[in-house]
Amino acid sequence: YTSDSSGTNYLYLCNGYQTFFADASGNGIWESISIPSNSAYSAYKAQLDLSRPIMLQAYTKDGLVDWGEGHSMMNVGYGRNTSGTGYLCVLDGRDYTLRYVRMDYYPKMFGYAIVVN
């Protein structure tokens, strides 16, 4: 599902979670809730308020076919600055700490809230 040249295809992310969270019989004990592209800040906040981390996909373009370069991040929190701009708190492997990404920074962004039963 992952290659050095293209990274992880977002279509396979939920398959990876199924493998990770499956019990010995192969049955999953989790589910994902899709957060579509161009969803409002409140959609992410609502899932995070329910203690559901979000596998976040962000892309540098918002074309019908060309999404540009992509990046996967685990969204674990949120915040607003003093002027009210929404930020998502993410872990992305680029740093050893959490960082904040402005909600409108990437032209195309969507996610999967992860629910473990």
C-alpha atoms as a PDB file:
ATOM      1  CA  TYR A   1       0.000   0.000   0.000  1.00  0.00           C
ATOM      2  CA  THR A   2       2.979   2.306   0.405  1.00  0.00           C
ATOM      3  CA  SER A   3       5.873   3.036  -1.919  1.00  0.00           C
ATOM      4  CA  ASP A   4       8.917   5.284  -1.653  1.00  0.00           C
ATOM      5  CA  SER A   5       7.930   7.181  -4.792  1.00  0.00           C
ATOM      6  CA  SER A   6       4.259   7.878  -4.090  1.00  0.00           C
ATOM      7  CA  GLY A   7       3.702   7.318  -0.363  1.00  0.00           C
ATOM      8  CA  THR A   8       0.478   5.786   0.901  1.00  0.00           C
ATOM      9  CA  ASN A   9      -2.578   5.913  -1.317  1.00  0.00           C
ATOM     10  CA  TYR A  10      -5.441   7.331   0.761  1.00  0.00           C
ATOM     11  CA  LEU A  11      -7.775   4.627  -0.616  1.00  0.00           C
ATOM     12  CA  TYR A  12      -5.857   2.019   1.412  1.00  0.00           C
ATOM     13  CA  LEU A  13      -5.795   3.802   4.772  1.00  0.00           C
ATOM     14  CA  CYS A  14      -8.928   2.148   6.128  1.00  0.00           C
ATOM     15  CA  ASN A  15      -7.607  -1.269   5.015  1.00  0.00           C
ATOM     16  CA  GLY A  16      -4.538  -0.630   7.154  1.00  0.00           C
ATOM     17  CA  TYR A  17      -6.655   0.188  10.179  1.00  0.00           C
ATOM     18  CA  GLN A  18      -8.720  -2.953   9.583  1.00  0.00           C
ATOM     19  CA  THR A  19      -5.535  -5.033   9.676  1.00  0.00           C
ATOM     20  CA  PHE A  20      -4.214  -3.238  12.764  1.00  0.00           C
ATOM     21  CA  PHE A  21      -7.420  -3.373  14.830  1.00  0.00           C
ATOM     22  CA  ALA A  22      -8.698  -6.794  13.693  1.00  0.00           C
ATOM     23  CA  ASP A  23      -8.996  -9.485  16.328  1.00  0.00           C
ATOM     24  CA  ALA A  24      -7.631 -13.020  15.904  1.00  0.00           C
ATOM     25  CA  SER A  25     -10.658 -14.091  13.832  1.00  0.00           C
ATOM     26  CA  GLY A  26     -10.099 -11.210  11.406  1.00  0.00           C
ATOM     27  CA  ASN A  27     -13.158  -9.293  12.551  1.00  0.00           C
ATOM     28  CA  GLY A  28     -12.603  -5.609  13.075  1.00  0.00           C
ATOM     29  CA  ILE A  29     -13.363  -3.870  16.346  1.00  0.00           C
ATOM     30  CA  TRP A  30     -13.321  -0.400  14.840  1.00  0.00           C
ATOM     31  CA  GLU A  31     -15.035   1.794  12.290  1.00  0.00           C
ATOM     32  CA  SER A  32     -14.238   4.961  10.401  1.00  0.00           C
ATOM     33  CA  ILE A  33     -16.390   8.019   9.813  1.00  0.00           C
ATOM     34  CA  SER A  34     -15.654   9.958   6.648  1.00  0.00           C
ATOM     35  CA  ILE A  35     -15.148  13.714   6.811  1.00  0.00           C
ATOM     36  CA  PRO A  36     -15.501  14.869   3.187  1.00  0.00           C
ATOM     37  CA  SER A  37     -13.289  17.385   1.417  1.00  0.00           C
ATOM     38  CA  ASN A  38     -14.118  21.018   2.160  1.00  0.00           C
ATOM     39  CA  SER A  39     -15.860  20.151   5.448  1.00  0.00           C
ATOM     40  CA  ALA A  40     -16.112  22.922   8.000  1.00  0.00           C
ATOM     41  CA  TYR A  41     -13.821  23.224  11.016  1.00  0.00           C
ATOM     42  CA  SER A  42     -16.820  22.219  13.156  1.00  0.00           C
ATOM     43  CA  ALA A  43     -16.919  18.756  11.488  1.00  0.00           C
ATOM     44  CA  TYR A  44     -13.376  18.019  12.677  1.00  0.00           C
ATOM     45  CA  LYS A  45     -14.012  19.557  16.085  1.00  0.00           C
ATOM     46  CA  ALA A  46     -17.154  17.457  16.612  1.00  0.00           C
ATOM     47  CA  GLN A  47     -15.283  14.178  16.011  1.00  0.00           C
ATOM     48  CA  LEU A  48     -12.342  15.225  18.179  1.00  0.00           C
ATOM     49  CA  ASP A  49     -14.734  16.228  20.976  1.00  0.00           C
ATOM     50  CA  LEU A  50     -15.929  12.590  20.923  1.00  0.00           C
ATOM     51  CA  SER A  51     -12.290  11.442  21.471  1.00  0.00           C
ATOM     52  CA  ARG A  52     -11.961  10.222  17.878  1.00  0.00           C
ATOM     53  CA  PRO A  53      -8.570  10.912  16.288  1.00  0.00           C
ATOM     54  CA  ILE A  54      -8.745  11.736  12.588  1.00  0.00           C
ATOM     55  CA  MET A  55      -6.532  10.307   9.855  1.00  0.00           C
ATOM     56  CA  LEU A  56      -6.155  13.508   7.878  1.00  0.00           C
ATOM     57  CA  GLN A  57      -5.270  13.686   4.183  1.00  0.00           C
ATOM     58  CA  ALA A  58      -4.086  17.008   2.763  1.00  0.00           C
ATOM     59  CA  TYR A  59      -3.172  17.911  -0.818  1.00  0.00           C
ATOM     60  CA  THR A  60      -1.531  20.905  -2.497  1.00  0.00           C
ATOM     61  CA  LYS A  61      -4.126  21.135  -5.305  1.00  0.00           C
ATOM     62  CA  ASP A  62      -7.909  20.745  -5.492  1.00  0.00           C
ATOM     63  CA  GLY A  63      -8.361  19.668  -9.090  1.00  0.00           C
ATOM     64  CA  LEU A  64     -10.791  17.013 -10.282  1.00  0.00           C
ATOM     65  CA  VAL A  65      -7.910  14.727 -11.251  1.00  0.00           C
ATOM     66  CA  ASP A  66      -4.706  16.450 -10.123  1.00  0.00           C
ATOM     67  CA  TRP A  67      -4.535  16.775  -6.338  1.00  0.00           C
ATOM     68  CA  GLY A  68      -0.851  17.650  -6.337  1.00  0.00           C
ATOM     69  CA  GLU A  69       1.374  16.378  -3.552  1.00  0.00           C
ATOM     70  CA  GLY A  70      -0.283  14.712  -0.595  1.00  0.00           C
ATOM     71  CA  HIS A  71       0.490  14.372   3.074  1.00  0.00           C
ATOM     72  CA  SER A  72      -1.010  12.139   5.785  1.00  0.00           C
ATOM     73  CA  MET A  73      -1.324  13.391   9.347  1.00  0.00           C
ATOM     74  CA  MET A  74      -2.998  12.191  12.539  1.00  0.00           C
ATOM     75  CA  ASN A  75      -5.290  14.951  13.809  1.00  0.00           C
ATOM     76  CA  VAL A  76      -5.552  14.775  17.609  1.00  0.00           C
ATOM     77  CA  GLY A  77      -6.751  18.232  18.629  1.00  0.00           C
ATOM     78  CA  TYR A  78      -7.747  21.705  17.570  1.00  0.00           C
ATOM     79  CA  GLY A  79      -7.537  25.349  18.572  1.00  0.00           C
ATOM     80  CA  ARG A  80      -8.176  28.904  17.458  1.00  0.00           C
ATOM     81  CA  ASN A  81      -5.882  31.897  17.494  1.00  0.00           C
ATOM     82  CA  THR A  82      -6.904  35.249  18.979  1.00  0.00           C
ATOM     83  CA  SER A  83      -8.489  36.339  15.694  1.00  0.00           C
ATOM     84  CA  GLY A  84     -10.626  33.152  15.514  1.00  0.00           C
ATOM     85  CA  THR A  85      -8.769  31.256  12.780  1.00  0.00           C
ATOM     86  CA  GLY A  86      -9.191  27.476  13.195  1.00  0.00           C
ATOM     87  CA  TYR A  87      -6.153  25.213  13.513  1.00  0.00           C
ATOM     88  CA  LEU A  88      -5.862  21.431  13.668  1.00  0.00           C
ATOM     89  CA  CYS A  89      -3.269  19.890  15.991  1.00  0.00           C
ATOM     90  CA  VAL A  90      -1.455  17.102  14.122  1.00  0.00           C
ATOM     91  CA  LEU A  91       1.258  14.479  14.344  1.00  0.00           C
ATOM     92  CA  ASP A  92       2.845  13.887  10.979  1.00  0.00           C
ATOM     93  CA  GLY A  93       6.253  12.312  11.383  1.00  0.00           C
ATOM     94  CA  ARG A  94       8.070  15.430  10.212  1.00  0.00           C
ATOM     95  CA  ASP A  95       8.685  16.554  13.774  1.00  0.00           C
ATOM     96  CA  TYR A  96       8.888  14.888  17.165  1.00  0.00           C
ATOM     97  CA  THR A  97       6.195  17.133  18.581  1.00  0.00           C
ATOM     98  CA  LEU A  98       2.644  18.174  17.847  1.00  0.00           C
ATOM     99  CA  ARG A  99       2.163  21.067  15.462  1.00  0.00           C
ATOM    100  CA  TYR A 100      -0.769  23.159  14.335  1.00  0.00           C
ATOM    101  CA  VAL A 101      -1.952  23.390  10.729  1.00  0.00           C
ATOM    102  CA  ARG A 102      -4.215  26.263   9.712  1.00  0.00           C
ATOM    103  CA  MET A 103      -7.571  24.873   8.622  1.00  0.00           C
ATOM    104  CA  ASP A 104      -7.484  26.653   5.239  1.00  0.00           C
ATOM    105  CA  TYR A 105      -3.783  26.021   4.478  1.00  0.00           C
ATOM    106  CA  TYR A 106      -4.291  23.049   2.128  1.00  0.00           C
ATOM    107  CA  PRO A 107      -6.621  23.454  -0.899  1.00  0.00           C
ATOM    108  CA  LYS A 108      -7.916  19.879  -0.501  1.00  0.00           C
ATOM    109  CA  MET A 109      -8.277  18.189   2.865  1.00  0.00           C
ATOM    110  CA  PHE A 110     -10.441  15.347   4.145  1.00  0.00           C
ATOM    111  CA  GLY A 111     -10.239  12.731   6.848  1.00  0.00           C
ATOM    112  CA  TYR A 112     -11.445   9.593   8.544  1.00  0.00           C
ATOM    113  CA  ALA A 113     -12.397   9.714  12.209  1.00  0.00           C
ATOM    114  CA  ILE A 114     -11.264   6.468  13.835  1.00  0.00           C
ATOM    115  CA  VAL A 115     -13.633   4.814  16.317  1.00  0.00           C
ATOM    116  CA  VAL A 116     -12.324   1.822  18.261  1.00  0.00           C
ATOM    117  CA  ASN A 117     -15.067  -0.211  19.913  1.00  0.00           C
END
